Amino acid sequence: MRIMIGTHEVRFSKVEFRLIIGLRFGVLPDTSRFVSVDNGLHHRYFGDKDEISSLELRDVMRRGEFLQAYDSVKLCLIYMLNWILMELDKRVKIPIWQLQLVDDLDGFDAFP
């Protein structure tokens, strides 16, 4: 990333960018090992559907009726991951493994 500070161009590599924003970079682990938690986020809001659209996620968030503590945070993390950090097209379906991973906030925070 390159930015201008006054008349000086400053370059940030992935290393500096990671240090500034606190996000992790690295090789993605095998996501097939993530399993659904009984009555987890996926089940509570999407009925274990095989595919979830961005509109469905948005509708759940807009209703504001959350069944457990931190569910609103977990749903916001999924939103942020897909449409802010990864800039995925809103027509792309949300990967189910993300809903399974975010049920464990410590695991989600450690994910690259």
PDB file of N, CA and C in Angstrom:
ATOM      1  N   MET A   1       0.851  -1.162   0.000  1.00  0.00           N
ATOM      2  CA  MET A   1       0.000   0.000   0.000  1.00  0.00           C
ATOM      3  C   MET A   1       0.902   1.231   0.000  1.00  0.00           C
ATOM      4  N   ARG A   2       0.509   2.202  -0.790  1.00  0.00           N
ATOM      5  CA  ARG A   2       1.258   3.451  -0.852  1.00  0.00           C
ATOM      6  C   ARG A   2       0.311   4.598  -0.521  1.00  0.00           C
ATOM      7  N   ILE A   3       0.779   5.499   0.321  1.00  0.00           N
ATOM      8  CA  ILE A   3      -0.016   6.690   0.646  1.00  0.00           C
ATOM      9  C   ILE A   3       0.902   7.905   0.621  1.00  0.00           C
ATOM     10  N   MET A   4       0.303   9.054   0.449  1.00  0.00           N
ATOM     11  CA  MET A   4       1.054  10.305   0.468  1.00  0.00           C
ATOM     12  C   MET A   4       0.864  10.978   1.824  1.00  0.00           C
ATOM     13  N   ILE A   5       1.959  11.329   2.450  1.00  0.00           N
ATOM     14  CA  ILE A   5       1.928  12.125   3.683  1.00  0.00           C
ATOM     15  C   ILE A   5       2.667  13.406   3.347  1.00  0.00           C
ATOM     16  N   GLY A   6       1.877  14.458   3.163  1.00  0.00           N
ATOM     17  CA  GLY A   6       2.468  15.700   2.671  1.00  0.00           C
ATOM     18  C   GLY A   6       2.983  15.474   1.272  1.00  0.00           C
ATOM     19  N   THR A   7       4.269  15.717   1.075  1.00  0.00           N
ATOM     20  CA  THR A   7       4.873  15.504  -0.240  1.00  0.00           C
ATOM     21  C   THR A   7       5.663  14.203  -0.305  1.00  0.00           C
ATOM     22  N   HIS A   8       5.565  13.390   0.748  1.00  0.00           N
ATOM     23  CA  HIS A   8       6.332  12.141   0.816  1.00  0.00           C
ATOM     24  C   HIS A   8       5.434  10.932   0.560  1.00  0.00           C
ATOM     25  N   GLU A   9       5.922  10.061  -0.306  1.00  0.00           N
ATOM     26  CA  GLU A   9       5.217   8.807  -0.530  1.00  0.00           C
ATOM     27  C   GLU A   9       5.723   7.783   0.483  1.00  0.00           C
ATOM     28  N   VAL A  10       4.770   7.163   1.190  1.00  0.00           N
ATOM     29  CA  VAL A  10       5.121   6.155   2.189  1.00  0.00           C
ATOM     30  C   VAL A  10       4.565   4.820   1.721  1.00  0.00           C
ATOM     31  N   ARG A  11       5.408   3.789   1.791  1.00  0.00           N
ATOM     32  CA  ARG A  11       4.985   2.447   1.378  1.00  0.00           C
ATOM     33  C   ARG A  11       4.867   1.549   2.601  1.00  0.00           C
ATOM     34  N   PHE A  12       3.786   0.781   2.628  1.00  0.00           N
ATOM     35  CA  PHE A  12       3.593  -0.219   3.669  1.00  0.00           C
ATOM     36  C   PHE A  12       3.519  -1.586   3.011  1.00  0.00           C
ATOM     37  N   SER A  13       4.359  -2.509   3.475  1.00  0.00           N
ATOM     38  CA  SER A  13       4.266  -3.884   2.999  1.00  0.00           C
ATOM     39  C   SER A  13       3.195  -4.593   3.830  1.00  0.00           C
ATOM     40  N   LYS A  14       2.950  -5.877   3.535  1.00  0.00           N
ATOM     41  CA  LYS A  14       1.995  -6.657   4.332  1.00  0.00           C
ATOM     42  C   LYS A  14       2.414  -6.689   5.800  1.00  0.00           C
ATOM     43  N   VAL A  15       3.701  -6.740   6.043  1.00  0.00           N
ATOM     44  CA  VAL A  15       4.187  -6.821   7.420  1.00  0.00           C
ATOM     45  C   VAL A  15       3.816  -5.565   8.197  1.00  0.00           C
ATOM     46  N   GLU A  16       4.104  -4.400   7.650  1.00  0.00           N
ATOM     47  CA  GLU A  16       3.769  -3.149   8.339  1.00  0.00           C
ATOM     48  C   GLU A  16       2.254  -2.969   8.450  1.00  0.00           C
ATOM     49  N   PHE A  17       1.557  -3.289   7.385  1.00  0.00           N
ATOM     50  CA  PHE A  17       0.096  -3.167   7.394  1.00  0.00           C
ATOM     51  C   PHE A  17      -0.504  -4.049   8.485  1.00  0.00           C
ATOM     52  N   ARG A  18      -0.009  -5.283   8.603  1.00  0.00           N
ATOM     53  CA  ARG A  18      -0.494  -6.212   9.620  1.00  0.00           C
ATOM     54  C   ARG A  18      -0.214  -5.672  11.019  1.00  0.00           C
ATOM     55  N   LEU A  19       0.960  -5.107  11.227  1.00  0.00           N
ATOM     56  CA  LEU A  19       1.299  -4.557  12.540  1.00  0.00           C
ATOM     57  C   LEU A  19       0.397  -3.384  12.915  1.00  0.00           C
ATOM     58  N   ILE A  20       0.075  -2.553  11.944  1.00  0.00           N
ATOM     59  CA  ILE A  20      -0.745  -1.375  12.207  1.00  0.00           C
ATOM     60  C   ILE A  20      -2.189  -1.764  12.521  1.00  0.00           C
ATOM     61  N   ILE A  21      -2.776  -2.646  11.712  1.00  0.00           N
ATOM     62  CA  ILE A  21      -4.200  -2.949  11.892  1.00  0.00           C
ATOM     63  C   ILE A  21      -4.462  -4.160  12.775  1.00  0.00           C
ATOM     64  N   GLY A  22      -3.433  -4.952  13.073  1.00  0.00           N
ATOM     65  CA  GLY A  22      -3.606  -6.074  13.984  1.00  0.00           C
ATOM     66  C   GLY A  22      -4.198  -7.329  13.376  1.00  0.00           C
ATOM     67  N   LEU A  23      -4.365  -7.367  12.075  1.00  0.00           N
ATOM     68  CA  LEU A  23      -4.893  -8.573  11.439  1.00  0.00           C
ATOM     69  C   LEU A  23      -3.775  -9.560  11.182  1.00  0.00           C
ATOM     70  N   ARG A  24      -4.145 -10.826  11.069  1.00  0.00           N
ATOM     71  CA  ARG A  24      -3.164 -11.878  10.805  1.00  0.00           C
ATOM     72  C   ARG A  24      -3.138 -12.197   9.308  1.00  0.00           C
ATOM     73  N   PHE A  25      -1.957 -12.541   8.823  1.00  0.00           N
ATOM     74  CA  PHE A  25      -1.787 -13.026   7.463  1.00  0.00           C
ATOM     75  C   PHE A  25      -1.193 -14.413   7.556  1.00  0.00           C
ATOM     76  N   GLY A  26      -1.401 -15.205   6.553  1.00  0.00           N
ATOM     77  CA  GLY A  26      -0.791 -16.524   6.545  1.00  0.00           C
ATOM     78  C   GLY A  26      -1.548 -17.479   5.658  1.00  0.00           C
ATOM     79  N   VAL A  27      -1.110 -18.719   5.705  1.00  0.00           N
ATOM     80  CA  VAL A  27      -1.741 -19.770   4.929  1.00  0.00           C
ATOM     81  C   VAL A  27      -3.071 -20.119   5.580  1.00  0.00           C
ATOM     82  N   LEU A  28      -4.112 -20.212   4.768  1.00  0.00           N
ATOM     83  CA  LEU A  28      -5.425 -20.568   5.306  1.00  0.00           C
ATOM     84  C   LEU A  28      -5.434 -22.038   5.712  1.00  0.00           C
ATOM     85  N   PRO A  29      -5.927 -22.335   6.907  1.00  0.00           N
ATOM     86  CA  PRO A  29      -6.001 -23.734   7.326  1.00  0.00           C
ATOM     87  C   PRO A  29      -7.100 -24.469   6.570  1.00  0.00           C
ATOM     88  N   ASP A  30      -7.086 -25.781   6.684  1.00  0.00           N
ATOM     89  CA  ASP A  30      -8.114 -26.617   6.073  1.00  0.00           C
ATOM     90  C   ASP A  30      -9.446 -26.334   6.770  1.00  0.00           C
ATOM     91  N   THR A  31     -10.390 -25.756   6.049  1.00  0.00           N
ATOM     92  CA  THR A  31     -11.670 -25.372   6.659  1.00  0.00           C
ATOM     93  C   THR A  31     -12.639 -26.537   6.765  1.00  0.00           C
ATOM     94  N   SER A  32     -12.310 -27.680   6.186  1.00  0.00           N
ATOM     95  CA  SER A  32     -13.222 -28.821   6.268  1.00  0.00           C
ATOM     96  C   SER A  32     -13.287 -29.387   7.683  1.00  0.00           C
ATOM     97  N   ARG A  33     -12.337 -29.006   8.538  1.00  0.00           N
ATOM     98  CA  ARG A  33     -12.340 -29.528   9.899  1.00  0.00           C
ATOM     99  C   ARG A  33     -13.294 -28.766  10.822  1.00  0.00           C
ATOM    100  N   PHE A  34     -13.795 -27.625  10.381  1.00  0.00           N
ATOM    101  CA  PHE A  34     -14.743 -26.875  11.198  1.00  0.00           C
ATOM    102  C   PHE A  34     -16.091 -27.572  11.160  1.00  0.00           C
ATOM    103  N   VAL A  35     -16.611 -27.877  12.306  1.00  0.00           N
ATOM    104  CA  VAL A  35     -17.887 -28.581  12.381  1.00  0.00           C
ATOM    105  C   VAL A  35     -18.909 -27.688  13.063  1.00  0.00           C
ATOM    106  N   SER A  36     -20.149 -27.923  12.729  1.00  0.00           N
ATOM    107  CA  SER A  36     -21.232 -27.144  13.290  1.00  0.00           C
ATOM    108  C   SER A  36     -21.369 -27.406  14.786  1.00  0.00           C
ATOM    109  N   VAL A  37     -21.504 -26.343  15.540  1.00  0.00           N
ATOM    110  CA  VAL A  37     -21.774 -26.447  16.968  1.00  0.00           C
ATOM    111  C   VAL A  37     -23.266 -26.714  17.124  1.00  0.00           C
ATOM    112  N   ASP A  38     -23.633 -27.583  18.053  1.00  0.00           N
ATOM    113  CA  ASP A  38     -25.061 -27.816  18.303  1.00  0.00           C
ATOM    114  C   ASP A  38     -25.734 -26.494  18.628  1.00  0.00           C
ATOM    115  N   ASN A  39     -26.801 -26.200  17.932  1.00  0.00           N
ATOM    116  CA  ASN A  39     -27.543 -24.954  18.104  1.00  0.00           C
ATOM    117  C   ASN A  39     -26.637 -23.729  17.935  1.00  0.00           C
ATOM    118  N   GLY A  40     -25.698 -23.818  17.001  1.00  0.00           N
ATOM    119  CA  GLY A  40     -24.782 -22.708  16.742  1.00  0.00           C
ATOM    120  C   GLY A  40     -25.436 -21.623  15.907  1.00  0.00           C
ATOM    121  N   LEU A  41     -24.667 -20.630  15.585  1.00  0.00           N
ATOM    122  CA  LEU A  41     -25.130 -19.474  14.820  1.00  0.00           C
ATOM    123  C   LEU A  41     -25.819 -19.889  13.524  1.00  0.00           C
ATOM    124  N   HIS A  42     -25.216 -20.824  12.819  1.00  0.00           N
ATOM    125  CA  HIS A  42     -25.764 -21.308  11.554  1.00  0.00           C
ATOM    126  C   HIS A  42     -27.175 -21.868  11.762  1.00  0.00           C
ATOM    127  N   HIS A  43     -27.354 -22.649  12.795  1.00  0.00           N
ATOM    128  CA  HIS A  43     -28.659 -23.259  13.090  1.00  0.00           C
ATOM    129  C   HIS A  43     -29.664 -22.219  13.596  1.00  0.00           C
ATOM    130  N   ARG A  44     -29.234 -21.363  14.519  1.00  0.00           N
ATOM    131  CA  ARG A  44     -30.153 -20.399  15.151  1.00  0.00           C
ATOM    132  C   ARG A  44     -30.769 -19.422  14.149  1.00  0.00           C
ATOM    133  N   TYR A  45     -29.997 -18.979  13.175  1.00  0.00           N
ATOM    134  CA  TYR A  45     -30.489 -17.921  12.288  1.00  0.00           C
ATOM    135  C   TYR A  45     -30.785 -18.364  10.860  1.00  0.00           C
ATOM    136  N   PHE A  46     -30.213 -19.495  10.447  1.00  0.00           N
ATOM    137  CA  PHE A  46     -30.374 -19.897   9.056  1.00  0.00           C
ATOM    138  C   PHE A  46     -30.875 -21.322   8.896  1.00  0.00           C
ATOM    139  N   GLY A  47     -31.248 -21.971  10.001  1.00  0.00           N
ATOM    140  CA  GLY A  47     -31.823 -23.306   9.940  1.00  0.00           C
ATOM    141  C   GLY A  47     -30.947 -24.346   9.265  1.00  0.00           C
ATOM    142  N   ASP A  48     -29.638 -24.209   9.385  1.00  0.00           N
ATOM    143  CA  ASP A  48     -28.683 -25.158   8.790  1.00  0.00           C
ATOM    144  C   ASP A  48     -28.792 -25.242   7.266  1.00  0.00           C
ATOM    145  N   LYS A  49     -29.269 -24.168   6.612  1.00  0.00           N
ATOM    146  CA  LYS A  49     -29.344 -24.150   5.150  1.00  0.00           C
ATOM    147  C   LYS A  49     -27.963 -24.365   4.543  1.00  0.00           C
ATOM    148  N   ASP A  50     -27.938 -24.966   3.375  1.00  0.00           N
ATOM    149  CA  ASP A  50     -26.672 -25.228   2.689  1.00  0.00           C
ATOM    150  C   ASP A  50     -26.041 -23.957   2.124  1.00  0.00           C
ATOM    151  N   GLU A  51     -26.868 -22.976   1.773  1.00  0.00           N
ATOM    152  CA  GLU A  51     -26.367 -21.724   1.212  1.00  0.00           C
ATOM    153  C   GLU A  51     -27.048 -20.552   1.897  1.00  0.00           C
ATOM    154  N   ILE A  52     -26.261 -19.506   2.151  1.00  0.00           N
ATOM    155  CA  ILE A  52     -26.795 -18.302   2.788  1.00  0.00           C
ATOM    156  C   ILE A  52     -26.375 -17.110   1.941  1.00  0.00           C
ATOM    157  N   SER A  53     -27.326 -16.289   1.599  1.00  0.00           N
ATOM    158  CA  SER A  53     -27.023 -15.120   0.771  1.00  0.00           C
ATOM    159  C   SER A  53     -26.715 -13.908   1.656  1.00  0.00           C
ATOM    160  N   SER A  54     -26.110 -12.921   1.045  1.00  0.00           N
ATOM    161  CA  SER A  54     -25.819 -11.681   1.770  1.00  0.00           C
ATOM    162  C   SER A  54     -27.112 -10.998   2.207  1.00  0.00           C
ATOM    163  N   LEU A  55     -28.168 -11.127   1.398  1.00  0.00           N
ATOM    164  CA  LEU A  55     -29.451 -10.524   1.770  1.00  0.00           C
ATOM    165  C   LEU A  55     -30.029 -11.178   3.016  1.00  0.00           C
ATOM    166  N   GLU A  56     -29.876 -12.489   3.141  1.00  0.00           N
ATOM    167  CA  GLU A  56     -30.363 -13.180   4.336  1.00  0.00           C
ATOM    168  C   GLU A  56     -29.598 -12.719   5.577  1.00  0.00           C
ATOM    169  N   LEU A  57     -28.287 -12.587   5.452  1.00  0.00           N
ATOM    170  CA  LEU A  57     -27.489 -12.095   6.572  1.00  0.00           C
ATOM    171  C   LEU A  57     -27.900 -10.676   6.934  1.00  0.00           C
ATOM    172  N   ARG A  58     -28.049  -9.834   5.939  1.00  0.00           N
ATOM    173  CA  ARG A  58     -28.456  -8.446   6.179  1.00  0.00           C
ATOM    174  C   ARG A  58     -29.809  -8.378   6.871  1.00  0.00           C
ATOM    175  N   ASP A  59     -30.759  -9.211   6.437  1.00  0.00           N
ATOM    176  CA  ASP A  59     -32.087  -9.208   7.037  1.00  0.00           C
ATOM    177  C   ASP A  59     -32.053  -9.623   8.502  1.00  0.00           C
ATOM    178  N   VAL A  60     -31.248 -10.629   8.818  1.00  0.00           N
ATOM    179  CA  VAL A  60     -31.121 -11.070  10.214  1.00  0.00           C
ATOM    180  C   VAL A  60     -30.540  -9.931  11.056  1.00  0.00           C
ATOM    181  N   MET A  61     -29.531  -9.254  10.536  1.00  0.00           N
ATOM    182  CA  MET A  61     -28.907  -8.168  11.284  1.00  0.00           C
ATOM    183  C   MET A  61     -29.860  -6.988  11.452  1.00  0.00           C
ATOM    184  N   ARG A  62     -30.625  -6.664  10.430  1.00  0.00           N
ATOM    185  CA  ARG A  62     -31.560  -5.536  10.506  1.00  0.00           C
ATOM    186  C   ARG A  62     -32.699  -5.771  11.494  1.00  0.00           C
ATOM    187  N   ARG A  63     -33.143  -7.026  11.608  1.00  0.00           N
ATOM    188  CA  ARG A  63     -34.210  -7.325  12.572  1.00  0.00           C
ATOM    189  C   ARG A  63     -33.762  -7.033  13.993  1.00  0.00           C
ATOM    190  N   GLY A  64     -32.499  -7.263  14.271  1.00  0.00           N
ATOM    191  CA  GLY A  64     -31.954  -6.953  15.589  1.00  0.00           C
ATOM    192  C   GLY A  64     -32.476  -7.837  16.702  1.00  0.00           C
ATOM    193  N   GLU A  65     -32.983  -8.995  16.372  1.00  0.00           N
ATOM    194  CA  GLU A  65     -33.521  -9.918  17.370  1.00  0.00           C
ATOM    195  C   GLU A  65     -32.533 -11.068  17.528  1.00  0.00           C
ATOM    196  N   PHE A  66     -31.624 -10.921  18.474  1.00  0.00           N
ATOM    197  CA  PHE A  66     -30.556 -11.898  18.644  1.00  0.00           C
ATOM    198  C   PHE A  66     -30.871 -12.808  19.813  1.00  0.00           C
ATOM    199  N   LEU A  67     -30.627 -14.100  19.632  1.00  0.00           N
ATOM    200  CA  LEU A  67     -31.042 -15.116  20.583  1.00  0.00           C
ATOM    201  C   LEU A  67     -30.030 -15.353  21.695  1.00  0.00           C
ATOM    202  N   GLN A  68     -28.772 -15.054  21.462  1.00  0.00           N
ATOM    203  CA  GLN A  68     -27.741 -15.259  22.481  1.00  0.00           C
ATOM    204  C   GLN A  68     -26.782 -14.084  22.500  1.00  0.00           C
ATOM    205  N   ALA A  69     -26.111 -13.944  23.649  1.00  0.00           N
ATOM    206  CA  ALA A  69     -25.110 -12.894  23.785  1.00  0.00           C
ATOM    207  C   ALA A  69     -24.051 -13.059  22.702  1.00  0.00           C
ATOM    208  N   TYR A  70     -23.595 -11.975  22.159  1.00  0.00           N
ATOM    209  CA  TYR A  70     -22.549 -11.900  21.140  1.00  0.00           C
ATOM    210  C   TYR A  70     -22.965 -12.355  19.746  1.00  0.00           C
ATOM    211  N   ASP A  71     -24.208 -12.799  19.545  1.00  0.00           N
ATOM    212  CA  ASP A  71     -24.617 -13.177  18.192  1.00  0.00           C
ATOM    213  C   ASP A  71     -24.536 -11.992  17.238  1.00  0.00           C
ATOM    214  N   SER A  72     -24.891 -10.800  17.712  1.00  0.00           N
ATOM    215  CA  SER A  72     -24.810  -9.627  16.841  1.00  0.00           C
ATOM    216  C   SER A  72     -23.358  -9.354  16.452  1.00  0.00           C
ATOM    217  N   VAL A  73     -22.436  -9.539  17.377  1.00  0.00           N
ATOM    218  CA  VAL A  73     -21.010  -9.342  17.090  1.00  0.00           C
ATOM    219  C   VAL A  73     -20.539 -10.374  16.072  1.00  0.00           C
ATOM    220  N   LYS A  74     -20.927 -11.621  16.265  1.00  0.00           N
ATOM    221  CA  LYS A  74     -20.507 -12.692  15.358  1.00  0.00           C
ATOM    222  C   LYS A  74     -21.021 -12.448  13.943  1.00  0.00           C
ATOM    223  N   LEU A  75     -22.268 -12.025  13.821  1.00  0.00           N
ATOM    224  CA  LEU A  75     -22.818 -11.740  12.496  1.00  0.00           C
ATOM    225  C   LEU A  75     -22.117 -10.549  11.851  1.00  0.00           C
ATOM    226  N   CYS A  76     -21.779  -9.553  12.645  1.00  0.00           N
ATOM    227  CA  CYS A  76     -21.044  -8.391  12.118  1.00  0.00           C
ATOM    228  C   CYS A  76     -19.644  -8.795  11.657  1.00  0.00           C
ATOM    229  N   LEU A  77     -19.018  -9.730  12.362  1.00  0.00           N
ATOM    230  CA  LEU A  77     -17.701 -10.216  11.935  1.00  0.00           C
ATOM    231  C   LEU A  77     -17.779 -10.893  10.571  1.00  0.00           C
ATOM    232  N   ILE A  78     -18.829 -11.686  10.365  1.00  0.00           N
ATOM    233  CA  ILE A  78     -19.018 -12.336   9.065  1.00  0.00           C
ATOM    234  C   ILE A  78     -19.213 -11.281   7.976  1.00  0.00           C
ATOM    235  N   TYR A  79     -20.029 -10.279   8.266  1.00  0.00           N
ATOM    236  CA  TYR A  79     -20.267  -9.198   7.312  1.00  0.00           C
ATOM    237  C   TYR A  79     -18.954  -8.477   6.989  1.00  0.00           C
ATOM    238  N   MET A  80     -18.214  -8.100   8.043  1.00  0.00           N
ATOM    239  CA  MET A  80     -16.965  -7.369   7.857  1.00  0.00           C
ATOM    240  C   MET A  80     -15.962  -8.190   7.050  1.00  0.00           C
ATOM    241  N   LEU A  81     -15.845  -9.465   7.365  1.00  0.00           N
ATOM    242  CA  LEU A  81     -14.901 -10.333   6.663  1.00  0.00           C
ATOM    243  C   LEU A  81     -15.196 -10.386   5.167  1.00  0.00           C
ATOM    244  N   ASN A  82     -16.458 -10.573   4.820  1.00  0.00           N
ATOM    245  CA  ASN A  82     -16.810 -10.771   3.415  1.00  0.00           C
ATOM    246  C   ASN A  82     -16.888  -9.491   2.600  1.00  0.00           C
ATOM    247  N   TRP A  83     -17.454  -8.442   3.149  1.00  0.00           N
ATOM    248  CA  TRP A  83     -17.731  -7.269   2.305  1.00  0.00           C
ATOM    249  C   TRP A  83     -16.853  -6.071   2.578  1.00  0.00           C
ATOM    250  N   ILE A  84     -16.032  -6.143   3.613  1.00  0.00           N
ATOM    251  CA  ILE A  84     -15.099  -5.048   3.848  1.00  0.00           C
ATOM    252  C   ILE A  84     -13.675  -5.521   3.598  1.00  0.00           C
ATOM    253  N   LEU A  85     -13.255  -6.592   4.276  1.00  0.00           N
ATOM    254  CA  LEU A  85     -11.876  -7.053   4.136  1.00  0.00           C
ATOM    255  C   LEU A  85     -11.620  -7.776   2.826  1.00  0.00           C
ATOM    256  N   MET A  86     -12.530  -8.663   2.436  1.00  0.00           N
ATOM    257  CA  MET A  86     -12.303  -9.471   1.236  1.00  0.00           C
ATOM    258  C   MET A  86     -13.001  -8.896   0.007  1.00  0.00           C
ATOM    259  N   GLU A  87     -13.845  -7.909   0.189  1.00  0.00           N
ATOM    260  CA  GLU A  87     -14.577  -7.254  -0.892  1.00  0.00           C
ATOM    261  C   GLU A  87     -15.235  -8.237  -1.851  1.00  0.00           C
ATOM    262  N   LEU A  88     -15.907  -9.234  -1.287  1.00  0.00           N
ATOM    263  CA  LEU A  88     -16.593 -10.198  -2.132  1.00  0.00           C
ATOM    264  C   LEU A  88     -17.843  -9.583  -2.751  1.00  0.00           C
ATOM    265  N   ASP A  89     -18.167 -10.028  -3.909  1.00  0.00           N
ATOM    266  CA  ASP A  89     -19.395  -9.619  -4.581  1.00  0.00           C
ATOM    267  C   ASP A  89     -20.578 -10.050  -3.713  1.00  0.00           C
ATOM    268  N   LYS A  90     -21.522  -9.172  -3.520  1.00  0.00           N
ATOM    269  CA  LYS A  90     -22.661  -9.465  -2.647  1.00  0.00           C
ATOM    270  C   LYS A  90     -23.527 -10.613  -3.162  1.00  0.00           C
ATOM    271  N   ARG A  91     -23.326 -11.019  -4.413  1.00  0.00           N
ATOM    272  CA  ARG A  91     -24.076 -12.166  -4.945  1.00  0.00           C
ATOM    273  C   ARG A  91     -23.452 -13.498  -4.539  1.00  0.00           C
ATOM    274  N   VAL A  92     -22.211 -13.452  -4.057  1.00  0.00           N
ATOM    275  CA  VAL A  92     -21.521 -14.672  -3.644  1.00  0.00           C
ATOM    276  C   VAL A  92     -22.118 -15.152  -2.320  1.00  0.00           C
ATOM    277  N   LYS A  93     -22.317 -16.449  -2.204  1.00  0.00           N
ATOM    278  CA  LYS A  93     -22.879 -17.025  -0.986  1.00  0.00           C
ATOM    279  C   LYS A  93     -21.843 -17.011   0.136  1.00  0.00           C
ATOM    280  N   ILE A  94     -22.322 -16.884   1.361  1.00  0.00           N
ATOM    281  CA  ILE A  94     -21.446 -16.896   2.527  1.00  0.00           C
ATOM    282  C   ILE A  94     -20.995 -18.330   2.780  1.00  0.00           C
ATOM    283  N   PRO A  95     -19.700 -18.568   2.876  1.00  0.00           N
ATOM    284  CA  PRO A  95     -19.233 -19.929   3.157  1.00  0.00           C
ATOM    285  C   PRO A  95     -19.692 -20.383   4.549  1.00  0.00           C
ATOM    286  N   ILE A  96     -20.266 -21.553   4.620  1.00  0.00           N
ATOM    287  CA  ILE A  96     -20.796 -22.089   5.874  1.00  0.00           C
ATOM    288  C   ILE A  96     -19.692 -22.228   6.921  1.00  0.00           C
ATOM    289  N   TRP A  97     -18.474 -22.558   6.494  1.00  0.00           N
ATOM    290  CA  TRP A  97     -17.399 -22.728   7.470  1.00  0.00           C
ATOM    291  C   TRP A  97     -17.151 -21.449   8.263  1.00  0.00           C
ATOM    292  N   GLN A  98     -17.452 -20.277   7.680  1.00  0.00           N
ATOM    293  CA  GLN A  98     -17.265 -19.030   8.423  1.00  0.00           C
ATOM    294  C   GLN A  98     -18.235 -18.953   9.598  1.00  0.00           C
ATOM    295  N   LEU A  99     -19.468 -19.377   9.374  1.00  0.00           N
ATOM    296  CA  LEU A  99     -20.443 -19.386  10.469  1.00  0.00           C
ATOM    297  C   LEU A  99     -20.032 -20.379  11.551  1.00  0.00           C
ATOM    298  N   GLN A 100     -19.428 -21.471  11.148  1.00  0.00           N
ATOM    299  CA  GLN A 100     -18.964 -22.467  12.113  1.00  0.00           C
ATOM    300  C   GLN A 100     -17.744 -21.953  12.878  1.00  0.00           C
ATOM    301  N   LEU A 101     -16.843 -21.271  12.180  1.00  0.00           N
ATOM    302  CA  LEU A 101     -15.648 -20.730  12.831  1.00  0.00           C
ATOM    303  C   LEU A 101     -15.997 -19.623  13.818  1.00  0.00           C
ATOM    304  N   VAL A 102     -16.910 -18.746  13.470  1.00  0.00           N
ATOM    305  CA  VAL A 102     -17.197 -17.589  14.320  1.00  0.00           C
ATOM    306  C   VAL A 102     -17.919 -17.979  15.616  1.00  0.00           C
ATOM    307  N   ASP A 103     -18.452 -19.204  15.695  1.00  0.00           N
ATOM    308  CA  ASP A 103     -19.019 -19.672  16.965  1.00  0.00           C
ATOM    309  C   ASP A 103     -17.947 -19.754  18.052  1.00  0.00           C
ATOM    310  N   ASP A 104     -16.680 -19.837  17.651  1.00  0.00           N
ATOM    311  CA  ASP A 104     -15.549 -19.829  18.578  1.00  0.00           C
ATOM    312  C   ASP A 104     -14.785 -18.522  18.336  1.00  0.00           C
ATOM    313  N   LEU A 105     -15.094 -17.485  19.110  1.00  0.00           N
ATOM    314  CA  LEU A 105     -14.501 -16.171  18.870  1.00  0.00           C
ATOM    315  C   LEU A 105     -12.974 -16.186  19.007  1.00  0.00           C
ATOM    316  N   ASP A 106     -12.441 -16.980  19.934  1.00  0.00           N
ATOM    317  CA  ASP A 106     -10.985 -17.080  20.054  1.00  0.00           C
ATOM    318  C   ASP A 106     -10.386 -17.712  18.795  1.00  0.00           C
ATOM    319  N   GLY A 107     -11.049 -18.731  18.272  1.00  0.00           N
ATOM    320  CA  GLY A 107     -10.591 -19.359  17.032  1.00  0.00           C
ATOM    321  C   GLY A 107     -10.680 -18.397  15.868  1.00  0.00           C
ATOM    322  N   PHE A 108     -11.749 -17.609  15.822  1.00  0.00           N
ATOM    323  CA  PHE A 108     -11.923 -16.618  14.754  1.00  0.00           C
ATOM    324  C   PHE A 108     -10.823 -15.573  14.833  1.00  0.00           C
ATOM    325  N   ASP A 109     -10.511 -15.111  16.032  1.00  0.00           N
ATOM    326  CA  ASP A 109      -9.457 -14.104  16.195  1.00  0.00           C
ATOM    327  C   ASP A 109      -8.092 -14.637  15.786  1.00  0.00           C
ATOM    328  N   ALA A 110      -7.864 -15.940  15.925  1.00  0.00           N
ATOM    329  CA  ALA A 110      -6.581 -16.531  15.571  1.00  0.00           C
ATOM    330  C   ALA A 110      -6.492 -16.886  14.086  1.00  0.00           C
ATOM    331  N   PHE A 111      -7.601 -16.833  13.394  1.00  0.00           N
ATOM    332  CA  PHE A 111      -7.647 -17.212  11.974  1.00  0.00           C
ATOM    333  C   PHE A 111      -6.919 -16.158  11.146  1.00  0.00           C
ATOM    334  N   PRO A 112      -6.068 -16.599  10.177  1.00  0.00           N
ATOM    335  CA  PRO A 112      -5.323 -15.600   9.388  1.00  0.00           C
ATOM    336  C   PRO A 112      -6.210 -14.811   8.435  1.00  0.00           C
TER     337      PRO A 112
END
